[in-house]
Amino acid sequence: MSQDVIALTPRMPDVKTLLAALHAGGPDLRVNQVGGGAVAQLCTEDGQLLVSVEAPRYLQAPGETERLPGPGARTDAPVWWTEVRASTTSPP
């Protein structure tokens, strides 16, 4: 199973900072890029996926931040949408 987290921010997240945060997960973990660089993954040495971070997307259309995640997530556009998916299973 996985747990999804969506961050809506007024400024684009700094990609280098995001990658540094993933790498800080531990010296025995690896940071990979997939999807032509559109997704960064934090994996164990044996390749088990722990966390993936999609490239931030810029939402400019009014109402998009309410439509996409659902009611109650309203914020004024434009914003940057960053999605993180984490495994809920712990590595062996």
PDB file of N, CA and C in Angstrom:
ATOM      1  N   MET A   1       0.841  -1.185   0.000  1.00  0.00           N
ATOM      2  CA  MET A   1       0.000   0.000   0.000  1.00  0.00           C
ATOM      3  C   MET A   1       0.880   1.240   0.000  1.00  0.00           C
ATOM      4  N   SER A   2       0.238   2.363  -0.322  1.00  0.00           N
ATOM      5  CA  SER A   2       0.991   3.616  -0.324  1.00  0.00           C
ATOM      6  C   SER A   2       0.167   4.714   0.323  1.00  0.00           C
ATOM      7  N   GLN A   3       0.852   5.757   0.710  1.00  0.00           N
ATOM      8  CA  GLN A   3       0.238   6.946   1.295  1.00  0.00           C
ATOM      9  C   GLN A   3       0.634   8.119   0.424  1.00  0.00           C
ATOM     10  N   ASP A   4      -0.361   8.900  -0.031  1.00  0.00           N
ATOM     11  CA  ASP A   4      -0.096  10.048  -0.887  1.00  0.00           C
ATOM     12  C   ASP A   4      -0.202  11.348  -0.097  1.00  0.00           C
ATOM     13  N   VAL A   5       0.708  12.261  -0.393  1.00  0.00           N
ATOM     14  CA  VAL A   5       0.684  13.601   0.196  1.00  0.00           C
ATOM     15  C   VAL A   5       0.829  14.588  -0.945  1.00  0.00           C
ATOM     16  N   ILE A   6      -0.009  15.628  -0.937  1.00  0.00           N
ATOM     17  CA  ILE A   6       0.041  16.665  -1.961  1.00  0.00           C
ATOM     18  C   ILE A   6       0.359  17.983  -1.276  1.00  0.00           C
ATOM     19  N   ALA A   7       1.379  18.665  -1.775  1.00  0.00           N
ATOM     20  CA  ALA A   7       1.736  19.989  -1.257  1.00  0.00           C
ATOM     21  C   ALA A   7       1.386  21.028  -2.312  1.00  0.00           C
ATOM     22  N   LEU A   8       0.622  22.040  -1.911  1.00  0.00           N
ATOM     23  CA  LEU A   8       0.293  23.177  -2.777  1.00  0.00           C
ATOM     24  C   LEU A   8       1.051  24.376  -2.236  1.00  0.00           C
ATOM     25  N   THR A   9       1.991  24.893  -3.028  1.00  0.00           N
ATOM     26  CA  THR A   9       2.854  25.974  -2.563  1.00  0.00           C
ATOM     27  C   THR A   9       2.822  27.157  -3.524  1.00  0.00           C
ATOM     28  N   PRO A  10       2.987  28.369  -3.007  1.00  0.00           N
ATOM     29  CA  PRO A  10       2.953  29.542  -3.879  1.00  0.00           C
ATOM     30  C   PRO A  10       4.184  29.688  -4.761  1.00  0.00           C
ATOM     31  N   ARG A  11       5.308  29.069  -4.344  1.00  0.00           N
ATOM     32  CA  ARG A  11       6.546  29.110  -5.131  1.00  0.00           C
ATOM     33  C   ARG A  11       6.948  27.694  -5.510  1.00  0.00           C
ATOM     34  N   MET A  12       7.650  27.565  -6.613  1.00  0.00           N
ATOM     35  CA  MET A  12       8.117  26.247  -7.039  1.00  0.00           C
ATOM     36  C   MET A  12       9.099  25.688  -6.019  1.00  0.00           C
ATOM     37  N   PRO A  13       8.879  24.442  -5.586  1.00  0.00           N
ATOM     38  CA  PRO A  13       9.845  23.827  -4.670  1.00  0.00           C
ATOM     39  C   PRO A  13      11.211  23.731  -5.347  1.00  0.00           C
ATOM     40  N   ASP A  14      12.234  23.913  -4.554  1.00  0.00           N
ATOM     41  CA  ASP A  14      13.600  23.826  -5.063  1.00  0.00           C
ATOM     42  C   ASP A  14      13.959  22.352  -5.256  1.00  0.00           C
ATOM     43  N   VAL A  15      14.188  21.952  -6.486  1.00  0.00           N
ATOM     44  CA  VAL A  15      14.438  20.551  -6.814  1.00  0.00           C
ATOM     45  C   VAL A  15      15.687  20.030  -6.104  1.00  0.00           C
ATOM     46  N   LYS A  16      16.748  20.824  -6.047  1.00  0.00           N
ATOM     47  CA  LYS A  16      17.965  20.383  -5.370  1.00  0.00           C
ATOM     48  C   LYS A  16      17.707  20.129  -3.885  1.00  0.00           C
ATOM     49  N   THR A  17      16.882  20.972  -3.270  1.00  0.00           N
ATOM     50  CA  THR A  17      16.549  20.784  -1.862  1.00  0.00           C
ATOM     51  C   THR A  17      15.727  19.516  -1.662  1.00  0.00           C
ATOM     52  N   LEU A  18      14.768  19.257  -2.568  1.00  0.00           N
ATOM     53  CA  LEU A  18      13.974  18.029  -2.484  1.00  0.00           C
ATOM     54  C   LEU A  18      14.865  16.793  -2.595  1.00  0.00           C
ATOM     55  N   LEU A  19      15.791  16.797  -3.547  1.00  0.00           N
ATOM     56  CA  LEU A  19      16.697  15.663  -3.715  1.00  0.00           C
ATOM     57  C   LEU A  19      17.624  15.502  -2.513  1.00  0.00           C
ATOM     58  N   ALA A  20      18.089  16.613  -1.956  1.00  0.00           N
ATOM     59  CA  ALA A  20      18.942  16.545  -0.765  1.00  0.00           C
ATOM     60  C   ALA A  20      18.162  15.972   0.416  1.00  0.00           C
ATOM     61  N   ALA A  21      16.889  16.330   0.536  1.00  0.00           N
ATOM     62  CA  ALA A  21      16.055  15.798   1.611  1.00  0.00           C
ATOM     63  C   ALA A  21      15.863  14.295   1.448  1.00  0.00           C
ATOM     64  N   LEU A  22      15.642  13.835   0.223  1.00  0.00           N
ATOM     65  CA  LEU A  22      15.514  12.403  -0.013  1.00  0.00           C
ATOM     66  C   LEU A  22      16.811  11.683   0.341  1.00  0.00           C
ATOM     67  N   HIS A  23      17.921  12.241  -0.096  1.00  0.00           N
ATOM     68  CA  HIS A  23      19.217  11.618   0.158  1.00  0.00           C
ATOM     69  C   HIS A  23      19.529  11.577   1.652  1.00  0.00           C
ATOM     70  N   ALA A  24      19.020  12.537   2.403  1.00  0.00           N
ATOM     71  CA  ALA A  24      19.250  12.578   3.848  1.00  0.00           C
ATOM     72  C   ALA A  24      18.499  11.472   4.584  1.00  0.00           C
ATOM     73  N   GLY A  25      17.674  10.707   3.862  1.00  0.00           N
ATOM     74  CA  GLY A  25      16.955   9.589   4.469  1.00  0.00           C
ATOM     75  C   GLY A  25      17.870   8.535   5.054  1.00  0.00           C
ATOM     76  N   GLY A  26      19.080   8.491   4.620  1.00  0.00           N
ATOM     77  CA  GLY A  26      20.042   7.546   5.174  1.00  0.00           C
ATOM     78  C   GLY A  26      21.134   7.230   4.179  1.00  0.00           C
ATOM     79  N   PRO A  27      22.339   6.946   4.672  1.00  0.00           N
ATOM     80  CA  PRO A  27      23.469   6.683   3.782  1.00  0.00           C
ATOM     81  C   PRO A  27      23.332   5.384   2.995  1.00  0.00           C
ATOM     82  N   ASP A  28      22.472   4.469   3.468  1.00  0.00           N
ATOM     83  CA  ASP A  28      22.301   3.199   2.774  1.00  0.00           C
ATOM     84  C   ASP A  28      21.156   3.230   1.758  1.00  0.00           C
ATOM     85  N   LEU A  29      20.548   4.397   1.563  1.00  0.00           N
ATOM     86  CA  LEU A  29      19.448   4.535   0.612  1.00  0.00           C
ATOM     87  C   LEU A  29      19.934   5.190  -0.674  1.00  0.00           C
ATOM     88  N   ARG A  30      19.219   4.952  -1.750  1.00  0.00           N
ATOM     89  CA  ARG A  30      19.591   5.468  -3.072  1.00  0.00           C
ATOM     90  C   ARG A  30      18.501   6.379  -3.613  1.00  0.00           C
ATOM     91  N   VAL A  31      18.905   7.418  -4.325  1.00  0.00           N
ATOM     92  CA  VAL A  31      17.961   8.289  -5.014  1.00  0.00           C
ATOM     93  C   VAL A  31      18.062   7.989  -6.507  1.00  0.00           C
ATOM     94  N   ASN A  32      16.945   7.617  -7.116  1.00  0.00           N
ATOM     95  CA  ASN A  32      16.882   7.316  -8.544  1.00  0.00           C
ATOM     96  C   ASN A  32      15.942   8.295  -9.221  1.00  0.00           C
ATOM     97  N   GLN A  33      16.127   8.471 -10.518  1.00  0.00           N
ATOM     98  CA  GLN A  33      15.188   9.247 -11.329  1.00  0.00           C
ATOM     99  C   GLN A  33      14.585   8.324 -12.371  1.00  0.00           C
ATOM    100  N   VAL A  34      13.265   8.420 -12.554  1.00  0.00           N
ATOM    101  CA  VAL A  34      12.553   7.632 -13.555  1.00  0.00           C
ATOM    102  C   VAL A  34      11.618   8.549 -14.324  1.00  0.00           C
ATOM    103  N   GLY A  35      11.007   8.016 -15.347  1.00  0.00           N
ATOM    104  CA  GLY A  35      10.064   8.817 -16.134  1.00  0.00           C
ATOM    105  C   GLY A  35      10.730   9.992 -16.806  1.00  0.00           C
ATOM    106  N   GLY A  36      11.937   9.775 -17.307  1.00  0.00           N
ATOM    107  CA  GLY A  36      12.647  10.870 -17.957  1.00  0.00           C
ATOM    108  C   GLY A  36      13.003  11.995 -17.004  1.00  0.00           C
ATOM    109  N   GLY A  37      13.174  11.675 -15.721  1.00  0.00           N
ATOM    110  CA  GLY A  37      13.516  12.684 -14.719  1.00  0.00           C
ATOM    111  C   GLY A  37      12.304  13.325 -14.072  1.00  0.00           C
ATOM    112  N   ALA A  38      11.094  12.893 -14.430  1.00  0.00           N
ATOM    113  CA  ALA A  38       9.873  13.491 -13.882  1.00  0.00           C
ATOM    114  C   ALA A  38       9.547  12.990 -12.477  1.00  0.00           C
ATOM    115  N   VAL A  39      10.190  11.888 -12.055  1.00  0.00           N
ATOM    116  CA  VAL A  39       9.929  11.317 -10.738  1.00  0.00           C
ATOM    117  C   VAL A  39      11.268  10.968 -10.081  1.00  0.00           C
ATOM    118  N   ALA A  40      11.430  11.399  -8.834  1.00  0.00           N
ATOM    119  CA  ALA A  40      12.594  11.020  -8.039  1.00  0.00           C
ATOM    120  C   ALA A  40      12.134   9.966  -7.038  1.00  0.00           C
ATOM    121  N   GLN A  41      12.945   8.922  -6.863  1.00  0.00           N
ATOM    122  CA  GLN A  41      12.588   7.836  -5.965  1.00  0.00           C
ATOM    123  C   GLN A  41      13.678   7.625  -4.925  1.00  0.00           C
ATOM    124  N   LEU A  42      13.237   7.319  -3.703  1.00  0.00           N
ATOM    125  CA  LEU A  42      14.145   6.918  -2.639  1.00  0.00           C
ATOM    126  C   LEU A  42      13.964   5.416  -2.467  1.00  0.00           C
ATOM    127  N   CYS A  43      15.064   4.666  -2.651  1.00  0.00           N
ATOM    128  CA  CYS A  43      15.011   3.198  -2.641  1.00  0.00           C
ATOM    129  C   CYS A  43      16.068   2.635  -1.696  1.00  0.00           C
ATOM    130  N   THR A  44      15.812   1.409  -1.245  1.00  0.00           N
ATOM    131  CA  THR A  44      16.818   0.690  -0.476  1.00  0.00           C
ATOM    132  C   THR A  44      17.895   0.211  -1.444  1.00  0.00           C
ATOM    133  N   GLU A  45      18.992  -0.294  -0.897  1.00  0.00           N
ATOM    134  CA  GLU A  45      20.087  -0.784  -1.748  1.00  0.00           C
ATOM    135  C   GLU A  45      19.637  -1.922  -2.656  1.00  0.00           C
ATOM    136  N   ASP A  46      18.663  -2.722  -2.200  1.00  0.00           N
ATOM    137  CA  ASP A  46      18.190  -3.837  -3.027  1.00  0.00           C
ATOM    138  C   ASP A  46      17.060  -3.426  -3.978  1.00  0.00           C
ATOM    139  N   GLY A  47      16.762  -2.123  -4.035  1.00  0.00           N
ATOM    140  CA  GLY A  47      15.808  -1.619  -5.009  1.00  0.00           C
ATOM    141  C   GLY A  47      14.378  -1.456  -4.538  1.00  0.00           C
ATOM    142  N   GLN A  48      14.091  -1.743  -3.257  1.00  0.00           N
ATOM    143  CA  GLN A  48      12.727  -1.570  -2.759  1.00  0.00           C
ATOM    144  C   GLN A  48      12.385  -0.085  -2.700  1.00  0.00           C
ATOM    145  N   LEU A  49      11.288   0.283  -3.341  1.00  0.00           N
ATOM    146  CA  LEU A  49      10.843   1.680  -3.382  1.00  0.00           C
ATOM    147  C   LEU A  49      10.260   2.090  -2.035  1.00  0.00           C
ATOM    148  N   LEU A  50      10.740   3.222  -1.505  1.00  0.00           N
ATOM    149  CA  LEU A  50      10.227   3.755  -0.250  1.00  0.00           C
ATOM    150  C   LEU A  50       9.367   4.991  -0.476  1.00  0.00           C
ATOM    151  N   VAL A  51       9.895   5.943  -1.284  1.00  0.00           N
ATOM    152  CA  VAL A  51       9.212   7.217  -1.517  1.00  0.00           C
ATOM    153  C   VAL A  51       9.441   7.645  -2.954  1.00  0.00           C
ATOM    154  N   SER A  52       8.399   8.198  -3.573  1.00  0.00           N
ATOM    155  CA  SER A  52       8.581   8.818  -4.890  1.00  0.00           C
ATOM    156  C   SER A  52       8.015  10.228  -4.848  1.00  0.00           C
ATOM    157  N   VAL A  53       8.697  11.142  -5.524  1.00  0.00           N
ATOM    158  CA  VAL A  53       8.293  12.546  -5.593  1.00  0.00           C
ATOM    159  C   VAL A  53       8.174  12.915  -7.059  1.00  0.00           C
ATOM    160  N   GLU A  54       6.973  13.339  -7.456  1.00  0.00           N
ATOM    161  CA  GLU A  54       6.775  13.755  -8.841  1.00  0.00           C
ATOM    162  C   GLU A  54       7.250  15.190  -9.023  1.00  0.00           C
ATOM    163  N   ALA A  55       7.637  15.512 -10.241  1.00  0.00           N
ATOM    164  CA  ALA A  55       8.060  16.874 -10.550  1.00  0.00           C
ATOM    165  C   ALA A  55       6.905  17.829 -10.258  1.00  0.00           C
ATOM    166  N   PRO A  56       7.176  18.983  -9.667  1.00  0.00           N
ATOM    167  CA  PRO A  56       6.116  19.952  -9.381  1.00  0.00           C
ATOM    168  C   PRO A  56       5.420  20.400 -10.670  1.00  0.00           C
ATOM    169  N   ARG A  57       4.105  20.578 -10.576  1.00  0.00           N
ATOM    170  CA  ARG A  57       3.308  21.076 -11.706  1.00  0.00           C
ATOM    171  C   ARG A  57       2.695  22.411 -11.324  1.00  0.00           C
ATOM    172  N   TYR A  58       2.692  23.323 -12.264  1.00  0.00           N
ATOM    173  CA  TYR A  58       2.165  24.675 -12.030  1.00  0.00           C
ATOM    174  C   TYR A  58       0.696  24.713 -12.414  1.00  0.00           C
ATOM    175  N   LEU A  59      -0.166  24.996 -11.446  1.00  0.00           N
ATOM    176  CA  LEU A  59      -1.606  25.093 -11.689  1.00  0.00           C
ATOM    177  C   LEU A  59      -2.006  26.564 -11.734  1.00  0.00           C
ATOM    178  N   GLN A  60      -2.528  26.979 -12.876  1.00  0.00           N
ATOM    179  CA  GLN A  60      -2.900  28.379 -13.043  1.00  0.00           C
ATOM    180  C   GLN A  60      -4.401  28.608 -13.144  1.00  0.00           C
ATOM    181  N   ALA A  61      -5.143  27.592 -13.558  1.00  0.00           N
ATOM    182  CA  ALA A  61      -6.577  27.758 -13.801  1.00  0.00           C
ATOM    183  C   ALA A  61      -7.342  27.870 -12.486  1.00  0.00           C
ATOM    184  N   PRO A  62      -8.195  28.879 -12.369  1.00  0.00           N
ATOM    185  CA  PRO A  62      -9.021  28.995 -11.169  1.00  0.00           C
ATOM    186  C   PRO A  62      -9.872  27.732 -10.984  1.00  0.00           C
ATOM    187  N   GLY A  63      -9.954  27.242  -9.768  1.00  0.00           N
ATOM    188  CA  GLY A  63     -10.756  26.064  -9.469  1.00  0.00           C
ATOM    189  C   GLY A  63     -10.024  24.749  -9.580  1.00  0.00           C
ATOM    190  N   GLU A  64      -8.838  24.727 -10.177  1.00  0.00           N
ATOM    191  CA  GLU A  64      -8.104  23.470 -10.337  1.00  0.00           C
ATOM    192  C   GLU A  64      -7.704  22.877  -8.995  1.00  0.00           C
ATOM    193  N   THR A  65      -7.318  23.712  -8.041  1.00  0.00           N
ATOM    194  CA  THR A  65      -6.882  23.184  -6.752  1.00  0.00           C
ATOM    195  C   THR A  65      -8.048  22.621  -5.954  1.00  0.00           C
ATOM    196  N   GLU A  66      -9.252  22.999  -6.275  1.00  0.00           N
ATOM    197  CA  GLU A  66     -10.422  22.418  -5.621  1.00  0.00           C
ATOM    198  C   GLU A  66     -10.881  21.170  -6.367  1.00  0.00           C
ATOM    199  N   ARG A  67     -10.804  21.192  -7.685  1.00  0.00           N
ATOM    200  CA  ARG A  67     -11.283  20.082  -8.507  1.00  0.00           C
ATOM    201  C   ARG A  67     -10.389  18.844  -8.378  1.00  0.00           C
ATOM    202  N   LEU A  68      -9.083  19.031  -8.439  1.00  0.00           N
ATOM    203  CA  LEU A  68      -8.172  17.884  -8.475  1.00  0.00           C
ATOM    204  C   LEU A  68      -8.155  17.074  -7.177  1.00  0.00           C
ATOM    205  N   PRO A  69      -7.831  17.660  -6.024  1.00  0.00           N
ATOM    206  CA  PRO A  69      -7.808  16.834  -4.812  1.00  0.00           C
ATOM    207  C   PRO A  69      -9.184  16.650  -4.186  1.00  0.00           C
ATOM    208  N   GLY A  70     -10.152  17.453  -4.581  1.00  0.00           N
ATOM    209  CA  GLY A  70     -11.499  17.328  -4.044  1.00  0.00           C
ATOM    210  C   GLY A  70     -11.879  18.511  -3.171  1.00  0.00           C
ATOM    211  N   PRO A  71     -13.154  18.570  -2.798  1.00  0.00           N
ATOM    212  CA  PRO A  71     -13.659  19.681  -1.983  1.00  0.00           C
ATOM    213  C   PRO A  71     -12.886  19.818  -0.671  1.00  0.00           C
ATOM    214  N   GLY A  72     -12.741  21.042  -0.215  1.00  0.00           N
ATOM    215  CA  GLY A  72     -12.048  21.309   1.036  1.00  0.00           C
ATOM    216  C   GLY A  72     -10.581  21.630   0.866  1.00  0.00           C
ATOM    217  N   ALA A  73     -10.062  21.484  -0.334  1.00  0.00           N
ATOM    218  CA  ALA A  73      -8.644  21.756  -0.583  1.00  0.00           C
ATOM    219  C   ALA A  73      -8.479  23.064  -1.336  1.00  0.00           C
ATOM    220  N   ARG A  74      -9.406  23.956  -1.196  1.00  0.00           N
ATOM    221  CA  ARG A  74      -9.415  25.182  -1.990  1.00  0.00           C
ATOM    222  C   ARG A  74      -8.275  26.118  -1.587  1.00  0.00           C
ATOM    223  N   THR A  75      -7.596  26.598  -2.595  1.00  0.00           N
ATOM    224  CA  THR A  75      -6.588  27.638  -2.425  1.00  0.00           C
ATOM    225  C   THR A  75      -6.561  28.431  -3.721  1.00  0.00           C
ATOM    226  N   ASP A  76      -6.131  29.650  -3.640  1.00  0.00           N
ATOM    227  CA  ASP A  76      -6.117  30.485  -4.839  1.00  0.00           C
ATOM    228  C   ASP A  76      -5.000  30.061  -5.775  1.00  0.00           C
ATOM    229  N   ALA A  77      -5.344  29.987  -7.060  1.00  0.00           N
ATOM    230  CA  ALA A  77      -4.349  29.710  -8.101  1.00  0.00           C
ATOM    231  C   ALA A  77      -3.642  31.030  -8.391  1.00  0.00           C
ATOM    232  N   PRO A  78      -2.462  31.032  -8.882  1.00  0.00           N
ATOM    233  CA  PRO A  78      -1.644  29.882  -9.268  1.00  0.00           C
ATOM    234  C   PRO A  78      -0.873  29.318  -8.074  1.00  0.00           C
ATOM    235  N   VAL A  79      -0.659  28.018  -8.119  1.00  0.00           N
ATOM    236  CA  VAL A  79       0.138  27.316  -7.103  1.00  0.00           C
ATOM    237  C   VAL A  79       0.931  26.198  -7.776  1.00  0.00           C
ATOM    238  N   TRP A  80       1.919  25.725  -7.065  1.00  0.00           N
ATOM    239  CA  TRP A  80       2.692  24.566  -7.498  1.00  0.00           C
ATOM    240  C   TRP A  80       2.158  23.342  -6.777  1.00  0.00           C
ATOM    241  N   TRP A  81       1.873  22.289  -7.532  1.00  0.00           N
ATOM    242  CA  TRP A  81       1.358  21.020  -7.021  1.00  0.00           C
ATOM    243  C   TRP A  81       2.516  20.034  -6.997  1.00  0.00           C
ATOM    244  N   THR A  82       2.869  19.539  -5.818  1.00  0.00           N
ATOM    245  CA  THR A  82       3.924  18.537  -5.699  1.00  0.00           C
ATOM    246  C   THR A  82       3.335  17.326  -4.989  1.00  0.00           C
ATOM    247  N   GLU A  83       3.456  16.168  -5.615  1.00  0.00           N
ATOM    248  CA  GLU A  83       2.869  14.946  -5.079  1.00  0.00           C
ATOM    249  C   GLU A  83       3.963  13.987  -4.625  1.00  0.00           C
ATOM    250  N   VAL A  84       3.781  13.463  -3.416  1.00  0.00           N
ATOM    251  CA  VAL A  84       4.724  12.512  -2.822  1.00  0.00           C
ATOM    252  C   VAL A  84       3.954  11.247  -2.486  1.00  0.00           C
ATOM    253  N   ARG A  85       4.520  10.102  -2.842  1.00  0.00           N
ATOM    254  CA  ARG A  85       3.892   8.814  -2.542  1.00  0.00           C
ATOM    255  C   ARG A  85       4.898   7.979  -1.749  1.00  0.00           C
ATOM    256  N   ALA A  86       4.467   7.497  -0.587  1.00  0.00           N
ATOM    257  CA  ALA A  86       5.355   6.701   0.264  1.00  0.00           C
ATOM    258  C   ALA A  86       4.767   5.328   0.501  1.00  0.00           C
ATOM    259  N   SER A  87       5.634   4.344   0.549  1.00  0.00           N
ATOM    260  CA  SER A  87       5.223   2.980   0.859  1.00  0.00           C
ATOM    261  C   SER A  87       4.879   2.891   2.339  1.00  0.00           C
ATOM    262  N   THR A  88       3.815   2.159   2.653  1.00  0.00           N
ATOM    263  CA  THR A  88       3.450   1.993   4.064  1.00  0.00           C
ATOM    264  C   THR A  88       4.042   0.713   4.650  1.00  0.00           C
ATOM    265  N   THR A  89       4.808   0.002   3.837  1.00  0.00           N
ATOM    266  CA  THR A  89       5.485  -1.198   4.334  1.00  0.00           C
ATOM    267  C   THR A  89       6.933  -0.846   4.653  1.00  0.00           C
ATOM    268  N   SER A  90       7.442  -1.354   5.740  1.00  0.00           N
ATOM    269  CA  SER A  90       8.826  -1.052   6.092  1.00  0.00           C
ATOM    270  C   SER A  90       9.757  -2.069   5.454  1.00  0.00           C
ATOM    271  N   PRO A  91      10.970  -1.636   5.126  1.00  0.00           N
ATOM    272  CA  PRO A  91      11.915  -2.561   4.496  1.00  0.00           C
ATOM    273  C   PRO A  91      12.309  -3.668   5.453  1.00  0.00           C
ATOM    274  N   PRO A  92      12.688  -4.847   4.912  1.00  0.00           N
ATOM    275  CA  PRO A  92      13.090  -5.979   5.766  1.00  0.00           C
ATOM    276  C   PRO A  92      14.365  -5.702   6.526  1.00  0.00           C
TER     277      PRO A  92
END
